[in-house]
Amino acid sequence: MLRDDLKNDFDSLLPRPLAGRAGPSRRTALKALGAGYAAAAGAAMAQTAIKTPSDGLTVGEISYEVGGFKVPAYRAAPAGRTGLPVVLVIQEIFGVHEYIADTARRFARAGYLAIAPELFARQGDPGSYGEIARLMAEVVSKVPDEQVMADLDGALKWAAAHGGDANKAGITGFCWGGRITWLYAAHAPVKAGVAWYGRLVGNGTEATPRHPVDLAAGLKAPVLGLYGAADAGIPLDTIDKMKAALANGSPAAKASQFVVYPDAPHAFHADYRASYRAPAAQDGWKRALDWFKAHGVA
């Protein structure tokens, strides 16, 4: 059974029901046709999903080794260039599917080497799940934060050896990845982070012993938090708690900021879902690029 805080957070990710439609479950390199992605995408995808072309970019799946395990990842970068700023793009609970890959390509078009690691790869394939509760119970809840931090360290190491400048690195993530963004900003030497509607508080478990509010005071990099006031899974009072923790912390903590969009629900950046809100998503994207530039990533 899911803990209440996890259930409330991820219930807001559930797509609107699609009568008579079922997504396929076969795995592709990017899980672009995985059941979770297809179910969440539905009819909204044809109307709002953004498709970023790959011409002029080097894109595709790579892997790197961490603790004897080969971590698969999607990377996108301007072709033929080196010394690139690096951005880690952190997945939702649905894994590294086409929306996450497209987001990486958007960063590549802005001049970054973008890497989206498959952070659930050891625990299972989120693309093979059609039920959120089973995905959470059998995969997501079993992914240790310590493992994720190490896998992201490995991604930066790979980037440094393949055209990226690890001294100009940032991280951004969505929902599950938003929480990870806060954690990584307290863990590793990135310049800045942008967290999209990541959970801030919660009960500790063996896999997830501490949450962003517990680590806020020790941030090593400033984080821009992009949140929605209409997010049923992340109450506004938890943002207030995070702000208070940041105000009493390190210089990076004190430099962190929040933008809360008045009418935006959870997953307002997810252009393949009914939760997408173009004005908030577009404003947030501009702010993310500006934030990285202001803090030495770009």
C-alpha atoms as a PDB file:
ATOM      1  CA  MET A   1       0.000   0.000   0.000  1.00  0.00           C
ATOM      2  CA  LEU A   2       1.320   3.447  -0.893  1.00  0.00           C
ATOM      3  CA  ARG A   3       2.067   5.908   1.877  1.00  0.00           C
ATOM      4  CA  ASP A   4      -0.431   8.777   1.931  1.00  0.00           C
ATOM      5  CA  ASP A   5       2.124  11.430   0.997  1.00  0.00           C
ATOM      6  CA  LEU A   6       3.272   9.470  -2.060  1.00  0.00           C
ATOM      7  CA  LYS A   7      -0.283   8.660  -3.081  1.00  0.00           C
ATOM      8  CA  ASN A   8      -1.383  12.292  -2.852  1.00  0.00           C
ATOM      9  CA  ASP A   9       1.620  13.428  -4.854  1.00  0.00           C
ATOM     10  CA  PHE A  10       1.272  10.945  -7.690  1.00  0.00           C
ATOM     11  CA  ASP A  11      -2.518  10.891  -7.862  1.00  0.00           C
ATOM     12  CA  SER A  12      -2.186  14.310  -9.469  1.00  0.00           C
ATOM     13  CA  LEU A  13      -0.259  12.691 -12.305  1.00  0.00           C
ATOM     14  CA  LEU A  14      -3.120  10.442 -13.330  1.00  0.00           C
ATOM     15  CA  PRO A  15      -4.359  11.180 -16.849  1.00  0.00           C
ATOM     16  CA  ARG A  16      -7.977  11.702 -17.685  1.00  0.00           C
ATOM     17  CA  PRO A  17      -9.674   8.397 -18.560  1.00  0.00           C
ATOM     18  CA  LEU A  18      -9.590   7.460 -22.226  1.00  0.00           C
ATOM     19  CA  ALA A  19     -12.573   5.279 -22.987  1.00  0.00           C
ATOM     20  CA  GLY A  20     -11.818   2.297 -25.160  1.00  0.00           C
ATOM     21  CA  ARG A  21      -8.105   3.048 -25.461  1.00  0.00           C
ATOM     22  CA  ALA A  22      -5.217   0.967 -24.183  1.00  0.00           C
ATOM     23  CA  GLY A  23      -1.563   1.721 -24.721  1.00  0.00           C
ATOM     24  CA  PRO A  24       0.863  -0.941 -25.923  1.00  0.00           C
ATOM     25  CA  SER A  25       3.411  -2.221 -23.426  1.00  0.00           C
ATOM     26  CA  ARG A  26       6.383  -3.184 -25.560  1.00  0.00           C
ATOM     27  CA  ARG A  27       9.676  -1.564 -24.649  1.00  0.00           C
ATOM     28  CA  THR A  28      11.554   0.671 -27.041  1.00  0.00           C
ATOM     29  CA  ALA A  29      14.905   2.329 -26.427  1.00  0.00           C
ATOM     30  CA  LEU A  30      13.132   5.424 -25.118  1.00  0.00           C
ATOM     31  CA  LYS A  31       9.958   3.689 -23.971  1.00  0.00           C
ATOM     32  CA  ALA A  32       8.151   6.121 -26.233  1.00  0.00           C
ATOM     33  CA  LEU A  33       5.339   3.595 -26.699  1.00  0.00           C
ATOM     34  CA  GLY A  34       5.341   2.264 -23.143  1.00  0.00           C
ATOM     35  CA  ALA A  35       1.977   1.769 -21.483  1.00  0.00           C
ATOM     36  CA  GLY A  36       2.528   4.543 -18.963  1.00  0.00           C
ATOM     37  CA  TYR A  37       3.427   7.087 -21.594  1.00  0.00           C
ATOM     38  CA  ALA A  38       0.711   6.058 -24.023  1.00  0.00           C
ATOM     39  CA  ALA A  39      -1.961   6.052 -21.335  1.00  0.00           C
ATOM     40  CA  ALA A  40      -0.913   9.467 -20.099  1.00  0.00           C
ATOM     41  CA  ALA A  41      -0.606  10.909 -23.583  1.00  0.00           C
ATOM     42  CA  GLY A  42      -3.932   9.916 -25.031  1.00  0.00           C
ATOM     43  CA  ALA A  43      -5.856  12.294 -27.249  1.00  0.00           C
ATOM     44  CA  ALA A  44      -4.120  15.364 -25.828  1.00  0.00           C
ATOM     45  CA  MET A  45      -0.854  14.366 -27.441  1.00  0.00           C
ATOM     46  CA  ALA A  46      -1.975  15.103 -30.997  1.00  0.00           C
ATOM     47  CA  GLN A  47      -3.020  18.606 -29.998  1.00  0.00           C
ATOM     48  CA  THR A  48      -0.278  19.811 -27.662  1.00  0.00           C
ATOM     49  CA  ALA A  49       2.765  17.514 -27.690  1.00  0.00           C
ATOM     50  CA  ILE A  50       5.886  19.360 -28.813  1.00  0.00           C
ATOM     51  CA  LYS A  51       8.159  17.668 -31.340  1.00  0.00           C
ATOM     52  CA  THR A  52      11.675  19.057 -31.422  1.00  0.00           C
ATOM     53  CA  PRO A  53      13.655  18.086 -34.540  1.00  0.00           C
ATOM     54  CA  SER A  54      17.048  16.445 -34.204  1.00  0.00           C
ATOM     55  CA  ASP A  55      18.717  17.908 -37.286  1.00  0.00           C
ATOM     56  CA  GLY A  56      22.007  19.501 -36.331  1.00  0.00           C
ATOM     57  CA  LEU A  57      22.062  17.503 -33.113  1.00  0.00           C
ATOM     58  CA  THR A  58      23.746  14.339 -31.950  1.00  0.00           C
ATOM     59  CA  VAL A  59      21.008  12.308 -30.273  1.00  0.00           C
ATOM     60  CA  GLY A  60      20.383   8.771 -29.125  1.00  0.00           C
ATOM     61  CA  GLU A  61      20.859   6.227 -26.395  1.00  0.00           C
ATOM     62  CA  ILE A  62      24.161   5.867 -24.549  1.00  0.00           C
ATOM     63  CA  SER A  63      25.199   3.998 -21.421  1.00  0.00           C
ATOM     64  CA  TYR A  64      27.770   4.414 -18.686  1.00  0.00           C
ATOM     65  CA  GLU A  65      28.876   2.183 -15.836  1.00  0.00           C
ATOM     66  CA  VAL A  66      28.117   2.788 -12.171  1.00  0.00           C
ATOM     67  CA  GLY A  67      29.003   0.099  -9.645  1.00  0.00           C
ATOM     68  CA  GLY A  68      29.199  -2.579 -12.304  1.00  0.00           C
ATOM     69  CA  PHE A  69      25.783  -1.691 -13.786  1.00  0.00           C
ATOM     70  CA  LYS A  70      25.405  -0.082 -17.199  1.00  0.00           C
ATOM     71  CA  VAL A  71      22.997   2.818 -16.814  1.00  0.00           C
ATOM     72  CA  PRO A  72      21.140   3.568 -20.052  1.00  0.00           C
ATOM     73  CA  ALA A  73      20.461   7.196 -20.899  1.00  0.00           C
ATOM     74  CA  TYR A  74      19.286   9.447 -23.698  1.00  0.00           C
ATOM     75  CA  ARG A  75      21.587  12.257 -24.754  1.00  0.00           C
ATOM     76  CA  ALA A  76      21.177  15.222 -27.068  1.00  0.00           C
ATOM     77  CA  ALA A  77      23.814  17.786 -27.975  1.00  0.00           C
ATOM     78  CA  PRO A  78      24.750  20.216 -30.740  1.00  0.00           C
ATOM     79  CA  ALA A  79      26.638  18.137 -33.302  1.00  0.00           C
ATOM     80  CA  GLY A  80      30.404  18.528 -33.543  1.00  0.00           C
ATOM     81  CA  ARG A  81      30.841  20.772 -30.518  1.00  0.00           C
ATOM     82  CA  THR A  82      32.814  20.328 -27.308  1.00  0.00           C
ATOM     83  CA  GLY A  83      33.134  22.238 -24.061  1.00  0.00           C
ATOM     84  CA  LEU A  84      29.353  22.264 -23.817  1.00  0.00           C
ATOM     85  CA  PRO A  85      27.451  23.174 -20.664  1.00  0.00           C
ATOM     86  CA  VAL A  86      25.707  20.117 -19.260  1.00  0.00           C
ATOM     87  CA  VAL A  87      22.144  19.679 -18.039  1.00  0.00           C
ATOM     88  CA  LEU A  88      20.814  16.525 -16.413  1.00  0.00           C
ATOM     89  CA  VAL A  89      17.154  15.992 -17.323  1.00  0.00           C
ATOM     90  CA  ILE A  90      15.355  13.926 -14.696  1.00  0.00           C
ATOM     91  CA  GLN A  91      12.323  11.835 -15.559  1.00  0.00           C
ATOM     92  CA  GLU A  92       8.811  11.618 -14.179  1.00  0.00           C
ATOM     93  CA  ILE A  93       7.613   8.274 -12.774  1.00  0.00           C
ATOM     94  CA  PHE A  94       6.932   7.117 -16.344  1.00  0.00           C
ATOM     95  CA  GLY A  95      10.660   6.941 -17.127  1.00  0.00           C
ATOM     96  CA  VAL A  96      12.648   8.267 -20.067  1.00  0.00           C
ATOM     97  CA  HIS A  97       9.949   8.351 -22.718  1.00  0.00           C
ATOM     98  CA  GLU A  98       9.504  10.642 -25.706  1.00  0.00           C
ATOM     99  CA  TYR A  99       8.493  13.722 -23.685  1.00  0.00           C
ATOM    100  CA  ILE A 100      11.700  13.542 -21.648  1.00  0.00           C
ATOM    101  CA  ALA A 101      13.772  12.898 -24.785  1.00  0.00           C
ATOM    102  CA  ASP A 102      12.144  15.877 -26.480  1.00  0.00           C
ATOM    103  CA  THR A 103      12.943  18.058 -23.475  1.00  0.00           C
ATOM    104  CA  ALA A 104      16.577  16.978 -23.805  1.00  0.00           C
ATOM    105  CA  ARG A 105      16.522  17.997 -27.472  1.00  0.00           C
ATOM    106  CA  ARG A 106      15.138  21.403 -26.509  1.00  0.00           C
ATOM    107  CA  PHE A 107      18.113  21.915 -24.219  1.00  0.00           C
ATOM    108  CA  ALA A 108      20.455  20.740 -26.979  1.00  0.00           C
ATOM    109  CA  ARG A 109      18.989  23.369 -29.308  1.00  0.00           C
ATOM    110  CA  ALA A 110      19.759  25.917 -26.585  1.00  0.00           C
ATOM    111  CA  GLY A 111      23.415  24.841 -26.660  1.00  0.00           C
ATOM    112  CA  TYR A 112      23.579  22.189 -23.937  1.00  0.00           C
ATOM    113  CA  LEU A 113      24.726  18.610 -23.730  1.00  0.00           C
ATOM    114  CA  ALA A 114      21.582  17.139 -22.179  1.00  0.00           C
ATOM    115  CA  ILE A 115      21.548  13.711 -20.549  1.00  0.00           C
ATOM    116  CA  ALA A 116      18.427  11.911 -19.318  1.00  0.00           C
ATOM    117  CA  PRO A 117      19.463   8.758 -17.407  1.00  0.00           C
ATOM    118  CA  GLU A 118      17.023   5.874 -16.951  1.00  0.00           C
ATOM    119  CA  LEU A 119      17.087   5.992 -13.172  1.00  0.00           C
ATOM    120  CA  PHE A 120      14.692   3.083 -12.634  1.00  0.00           C
ATOM    121  CA  ALA A 121      16.660   0.689 -14.852  1.00  0.00           C
ATOM    122  CA  ARG A 122      17.818  -1.545 -11.995  1.00  0.00           C
ATOM    123  CA  GLN A 123      14.343  -1.876 -10.488  1.00  0.00           C
ATOM    124  CA  GLY A 124      12.201  -2.324 -13.598  1.00  0.00           C
ATOM    125  CA  ASP A 125      10.792  -0.909 -16.803  1.00  0.00           C
ATOM    126  CA  PRO A 126       8.149   1.766 -16.146  1.00  0.00           C
ATOM    127  CA  GLY A 127       7.079   1.507 -19.788  1.00  0.00           C
ATOM    128  CA  SER A 128       5.686  -1.969 -19.146  1.00  0.00           C
ATOM    129  CA  TYR A 129       3.225  -0.809 -16.483  1.00  0.00           C
ATOM    130  CA  GLY A 130      -0.319   0.293 -17.202  1.00  0.00           C
ATOM    131  CA  GLU A 131      -1.330   0.873 -13.574  1.00  0.00           C
ATOM    132  CA  ILE A 132       0.085   3.742 -11.543  1.00  0.00           C
ATOM    133  CA  ALA A 133      -0.331   1.929  -8.202  1.00  0.00           C
ATOM    134  CA  ARG A 134       1.645  -1.109  -9.393  1.00  0.00           C
ATOM    135  CA  LEU A 135       4.336   1.063 -10.949  1.00  0.00           C
ATOM    136  CA  MET A 136       4.721   2.951  -7.682  1.00  0.00           C
ATOM    137  CA  ALA A 137       4.703  -0.146  -5.490  1.00  0.00           C
ATOM    138  CA  GLU A 138       6.892  -2.413  -7.617  1.00  0.00           C
ATOM    139  CA  VAL A 139       9.383   0.049  -9.122  1.00  0.00           C
ATOM    140  CA  VAL A 140       9.399   3.667  -7.962  1.00  0.00           C
ATOM    141  CA  SER A 141       9.197   3.048  -4.211  1.00  0.00           C
ATOM    142  CA  LYS A 142      12.143   0.647  -4.457  1.00  0.00           C
ATOM    143  CA  VAL A 143      14.562   3.141  -6.026  1.00  0.00           C
ATOM    144  CA  PRO A 144      17.014   4.371  -3.343  1.00  0.00           C
ATOM    145  CA  ASP A 145      17.989   8.025  -3.349  1.00  0.00           C
ATOM    146  CA  GLU A 146      21.602   6.952  -2.789  1.00  0.00           C
ATOM    147  CA  GLN A 147      21.505   4.934  -6.020  1.00  0.00           C
ATOM    148  CA  VAL A 148      20.055   7.890  -7.927  1.00  0.00           C
ATOM    149  CA  MET A 149      22.730  10.266  -6.655  1.00  0.00           C
ATOM    150  CA  ALA A 150      25.460   7.854  -7.772  1.00  0.00           C
ATOM    151  CA  ASP A 151      23.863   7.393 -11.197  1.00  0.00           C
ATOM    152  CA  LEU A 152      23.728  11.158 -11.686  1.00  0.00           C
ATOM    153  CA  ASP A 153      27.360  11.461 -10.626  1.00  0.00           C
ATOM    154  CA  GLY A 154      28.099   8.885 -13.327  1.00  0.00           C
ATOM    155  CA  ALA A 155      26.186  10.898 -15.902  1.00  0.00           C
ATOM    156  CA  LEU A 156      28.301  13.971 -15.182  1.00  0.00           C
ATOM    157  CA  LYS A 157      31.459  11.882 -15.445  1.00  0.00           C
ATOM    158  CA  TRP A 158      30.290  10.544 -18.822  1.00  0.00           C
ATOM    159  CA  ALA A 159      29.479  14.067 -19.988  1.00  0.00           C
ATOM    160  CA  ALA A 160      32.952  15.312 -19.075  1.00  0.00           C
ATOM    161  CA  ALA A 161      34.482  12.616 -21.274  1.00  0.00           C
ATOM    162  CA  HIS A 162      32.134  13.204 -24.220  1.00  0.00           C
ATOM    163  CA  GLY A 163      32.160  16.891 -25.050  1.00  0.00           C
ATOM    164  CA  GLY A 164      30.677  18.373 -21.911  1.00  0.00           C
ATOM    165  CA  ASP A 165      32.111  20.788 -19.358  1.00  0.00           C
ATOM    166  CA  ALA A 166      31.244  19.293 -15.960  1.00  0.00           C
ATOM    167  CA  ASN A 167      32.227  22.577 -14.321  1.00  0.00           C
ATOM    168  CA  LYS A 168      29.222  24.177 -16.039  1.00  0.00           C
ATOM    169  CA  ALA A 169      26.522  21.695 -15.097  1.00  0.00           C
ATOM    170  CA  GLY A 170      22.906  22.066 -14.053  1.00  0.00           C
ATOM    171  CA  ILE A 171      20.003  19.770 -13.295  1.00  0.00           C
ATOM    172  CA  THR A 172      16.277  19.929 -13.955  1.00  0.00           C
ATOM    173  CA  GLY A 173      13.504  17.450 -13.282  1.00  0.00           C
ATOM    174  CA  PHE A 174       9.766  16.945 -13.389  1.00  0.00           C
ATOM    175  CA  CYS A 175       7.571  15.637 -10.532  1.00  0.00           C
ATOM    176  CA  TRP A 176       9.603  12.655  -9.222  1.00  0.00           C
ATOM    177  CA  GLY A 177      12.544  14.303 -10.957  1.00  0.00           C
ATOM    178  CA  GLY A 178      11.719  17.643  -9.351  1.00  0.00           C
ATOM    179  CA  ARG A 179      12.289  16.141  -5.918  1.00  0.00           C
ATOM    180  CA  ILE A 180      15.528  14.585  -7.164  1.00  0.00           C
ATOM    181  CA  THR A 181      16.646  17.992  -8.444  1.00  0.00           C
ATOM    182  CA  TRP A 182      16.478  19.436  -4.934  1.00  0.00           C
ATOM    183  CA  LEU A 183      18.332  16.427  -3.518  1.00  0.00           C
ATOM    184  CA  TYR A 184      21.089  16.569  -6.114  1.00  0.00           C
ATOM    185  CA  ALA A 185      21.583  20.287  -5.553  1.00  0.00           C
ATOM    186  CA  ALA A 186      22.469  19.352  -1.965  1.00  0.00           C
ATOM    187  CA  HIS A 187      24.667  16.450  -3.057  1.00  0.00           C
ATOM    188  CA  ALA A 188      26.935  17.349  -5.939  1.00  0.00           C
ATOM    189  CA  PRO A 189      28.813  20.229  -7.551  1.00  0.00           C
ATOM    190  CA  VAL A 190      26.257  21.493 -10.049  1.00  0.00           C
ATOM    191  CA  LYS A 191      25.903  25.216 -10.592  1.00  0.00           C
ATOM    192  CA  ALA A 192      22.109  25.395 -10.414  1.00  0.00           C
ATOM    193  CA  GLY A 193      18.887  23.410 -10.494  1.00  0.00           C
ATOM    194  CA  VAL A 194      15.350  23.903 -11.758  1.00  0.00           C
ATOM    195  CA  ALA A 195      12.718  21.777 -10.026  1.00  0.00           C
ATOM    196  CA  TRP A 196       9.344  21.430 -11.697  1.00  0.00           C
ATOM    197  CA  TYR A 197       6.636  20.562  -9.130  1.00  0.00           C
ATOM    198  CA  GLY A 198       8.784  18.178  -7.118  1.00  0.00           C
ATOM    199  CA  ARG A 199       7.514  16.973  -3.744  1.00  0.00           C
ATOM    200  CA  LEU A 200       9.155  18.858  -0.876  1.00  0.00           C
ATOM    201  CA  VAL A 201       8.119  17.028   2.308  1.00  0.00           C
ATOM    202  CA  GLY A 202       7.298  13.461   3.250  1.00  0.00           C
ATOM    203  CA  ASN A 203       7.860  10.576   5.608  1.00  0.00           C
ATOM    204  CA  GLY A 204      11.280   8.987   5.466  1.00  0.00           C
ATOM    205  CA  THR A 205      11.755   5.422   4.281  1.00  0.00           C
ATOM    206  CA  GLU A 206      14.784   3.196   3.898  1.00  0.00           C
ATOM    207  CA  ALA A 207      14.970   4.124   0.196  1.00  0.00           C
ATOM    208  CA  THR A 208      14.084   7.811   0.661  1.00  0.00           C
ATOM    209  CA  PRO A 209      15.319   8.769   4.127  1.00  0.00           C
ATOM    210  CA  ARG A 210      15.243  12.529   3.643  1.00  0.00           C
ATOM    211  CA  HIS A 211      13.288  14.964   1.531  1.00  0.00           C
ATOM    212  CA  PRO A 212      14.074  18.418   0.112  1.00  0.00           C
ATOM    213  CA  VAL A 213      12.899  20.300   3.213  1.00  0.00           C
ATOM    214  CA  ASP A 214      15.325  18.227   5.301  1.00  0.00           C
ATOM    215  CA  LEU A 215      18.271  19.131   3.061  1.00  0.00           C
ATOM    216  CA  ALA A 216      17.294  22.682   2.143  1.00  0.00           C
ATOM    217  CA  ALA A 217      19.671  24.466   4.495  1.00  0.00           C
ATOM    218  CA  GLY A 218      22.678  22.666   3.020  1.00  0.00           C
ATOM    219  CA  LEU A 219      22.091  23.290  -0.676  1.00  0.00           C
ATOM    220  CA  LYS A 220      25.302  23.593  -2.698  1.00  0.00           C
ATOM    221  CA  ALA A 221      23.539  25.092  -5.709  1.00  0.00           C
ATOM    222  CA  PRO A 222      20.567  27.458  -5.930  1.00  0.00           C
ATOM    223  CA  VAL A 223      17.327  25.943  -7.155  1.00  0.00           C
ATOM    224  CA  LEU A 224      14.443  27.584  -8.968  1.00  0.00           C
ATOM    225  CA  GLY A 225      11.204  25.882  -7.997  1.00  0.00           C
ATOM    226  CA  LEU A 226       8.392  26.028 -10.572  1.00  0.00           C
ATOM    227  CA  TYR A 227       5.080  25.000  -9.005  1.00  0.00           C
ATOM    228  CA  GLY A 228       1.337  25.206  -9.565  1.00  0.00           C
ATOM    229  CA  ALA A 229      -1.118  26.670  -7.066  1.00  0.00           C
ATOM    230  CA  ALA A 230      -3.757  24.210  -8.310  1.00  0.00           C
ATOM    231  CA  ASP A 231      -1.510  21.171  -7.687  1.00  0.00           C
ATOM    232  CA  ALA A 232      -3.590  18.757  -5.605  1.00  0.00           C
ATOM    233  CA  GLY A 233      -0.529  16.742  -4.604  1.00  0.00           C
ATOM    234  CA  ILE A 234       1.745  19.555  -3.398  1.00  0.00           C
ATOM    235  CA  PRO A 235      -0.067  21.847  -0.928  1.00  0.00           C
ATOM    236  CA  LEU A 236       1.046  25.460  -0.855  1.00  0.00           C
ATOM    237  CA  ASP A 237       1.912  25.205   2.832  1.00  0.00           C
ATOM    238  CA  THR A 238       4.697  22.749   1.937  1.00  0.00           C
ATOM    239  CA  ILE A 239       6.207  25.426  -0.304  1.00  0.00           C
ATOM    240  CA  ASP A 240       6.046  27.809   2.668  1.00  0.00           C
ATOM    241  CA  LYS A 241       7.883  25.246   4.807  1.00  0.00           C
ATOM    242  CA  MET A 242      10.565  24.918   2.148  1.00  0.00           C
ATOM    243  CA  LYS A 243      10.961  28.681   1.867  1.00  0.00           C
ATOM    244  CA  ALA A 244      11.468  28.922   5.631  1.00  0.00           C
ATOM    245  CA  ALA A 245      14.103  26.175   5.569  1.00  0.00           C
ATOM    246  CA  LEU A 246      15.927  27.832   2.669  1.00  0.00           C
ATOM    247  CA  ALA A 247      15.936  31.234   4.371  1.00  0.00           C
ATOM    248  CA  ASN A 248      18.037  29.873   7.229  1.00  0.00           C
ATOM    249  CA  GLY A 249      20.495  27.968   5.070  1.00  0.00           C
ATOM    250  CA  SER A 250      23.611  28.265   2.944  1.00  0.00           C
ATOM    251  CA  PRO A 251      24.169  31.068   0.424  1.00  0.00           C
ATOM    252  CA  ALA A 252      22.852  28.730  -2.299  1.00  0.00           C
ATOM    253  CA  ALA A 253      19.770  27.999  -0.210  1.00  0.00           C
ATOM    254  CA  LYS A 254      19.103  31.684   0.343  1.00  0.00           C
ATOM    255  CA  ALA A 255      19.523  32.345  -3.387  1.00  0.00           C
ATOM    256  CA  SER A 256      16.876  29.761  -4.291  1.00  0.00           C
ATOM    257  CA  GLN A 257      13.505  30.995  -5.499  1.00  0.00           C
ATOM    258  CA  PHE A 258       9.966  29.812  -6.180  1.00  0.00           C
ATOM    259  CA  VAL A 259       7.528  30.750  -8.905  1.00  0.00           C
ATOM    260  CA  VAL A 260       3.975  29.547  -8.271  1.00  0.00           C
ATOM    261  CA  TYR A 261       1.578  29.749 -11.211  1.00  0.00           C
ATOM    262  CA  PRO A 262      -1.909  30.619  -9.908  1.00  0.00           C
ATOM    263  CA  ASP A 263      -4.057  28.323 -12.052  1.00  0.00           C
ATOM    264  CA  ALA A 264      -1.548  25.610 -12.946  1.00  0.00           C
ATOM    265  CA  PRO A 265      -2.084  21.986 -11.879  1.00  0.00           C
ATOM    266  CA  HIS A 266       0.555  19.332 -11.357  1.00  0.00           C
ATOM    267  CA  ALA A 267       2.534  18.430 -14.492  1.00  0.00           C
ATOM    268  CA  PHE A 268       1.707  21.711 -16.234  1.00  0.00           C
ATOM    269  CA  HIS A 269       4.834  21.380 -18.374  1.00  0.00           C
ATOM    270  CA  ALA A 270       3.893  17.887 -19.621  1.00  0.00           C
ATOM    271  CA  ASP A 271       2.732  18.838 -23.114  1.00  0.00           C
ATOM    272  CA  TYR A 272       1.562  15.295 -23.867  1.00  0.00           C
ATOM    273  CA  ARG A 273      -1.062  15.299 -21.098  1.00  0.00           C
ATOM    274  CA  ALA A 274      -4.302  17.065 -20.284  1.00  0.00           C
ATOM    275  CA  SER A 275      -2.547  18.804 -17.388  1.00  0.00           C
ATOM    276  CA  TYR A 276      -0.481  20.898 -19.832  1.00  0.00           C
ATOM    277  CA  ARG A 277      -0.825  24.642 -19.442  1.00  0.00           C
ATOM    278  CA  ALA A 278       1.037  26.383 -22.256  1.00  0.00           C
ATOM    279  CA  PRO A 279       1.423  29.856 -20.673  1.00  0.00           C
ATOM    280  CA  ALA A 280       2.919  28.468 -17.446  1.00  0.00           C
ATOM    281  CA  ALA A 281       5.046  25.912 -19.313  1.00  0.00           C
ATOM    282  CA  GLN A 282       6.459  28.488 -21.702  1.00  0.00           C
ATOM    283  CA  ASP A 283       7.145  31.022 -18.966  1.00  0.00           C
ATOM    284  CA  GLY A 284       8.775  28.336 -16.836  1.00  0.00           C
ATOM    285  CA  TRP A 285      10.992  27.216 -19.712  1.00  0.00           C
ATOM    286  CA  LYS A 286      12.237  30.771 -20.282  1.00  0.00           C
ATOM    287  CA  ARG A 287      12.874  31.189 -16.570  1.00  0.00           C
ATOM    288  CA  ALA A 288      14.780  27.892 -16.491  1.00  0.00           C
ATOM    289  CA  LEU A 289      17.115  28.973 -19.293  1.00  0.00           C
ATOM    290  CA  ASP A 290      17.599  32.381 -17.682  1.00  0.00           C
ATOM    291  CA  TRP A 291      18.278  30.745 -14.290  1.00  0.00           C
ATOM    292  CA  PHE A 292      20.969  28.503 -15.713  1.00  0.00           C
ATOM    293  CA  LYS A 293      22.571  31.429 -17.526  1.00  0.00           C
ATOM    294  CA  ALA A 294      22.499  33.632 -14.430  1.00  0.00           C
ATOM    295  CA  HIS A 295      24.188  30.974 -12.312  1.00  0.00           C
ATOM    296  CA  GLY A 296      27.016  30.030 -14.639  1.00  0.00           C
ATOM    297  CA  VAL A 297      25.658  26.928 -16.339  1.00  0.00           C
ATOM    298  CA  ALA A 298      25.194  28.331 -19.847  1.00  0.00           C
END
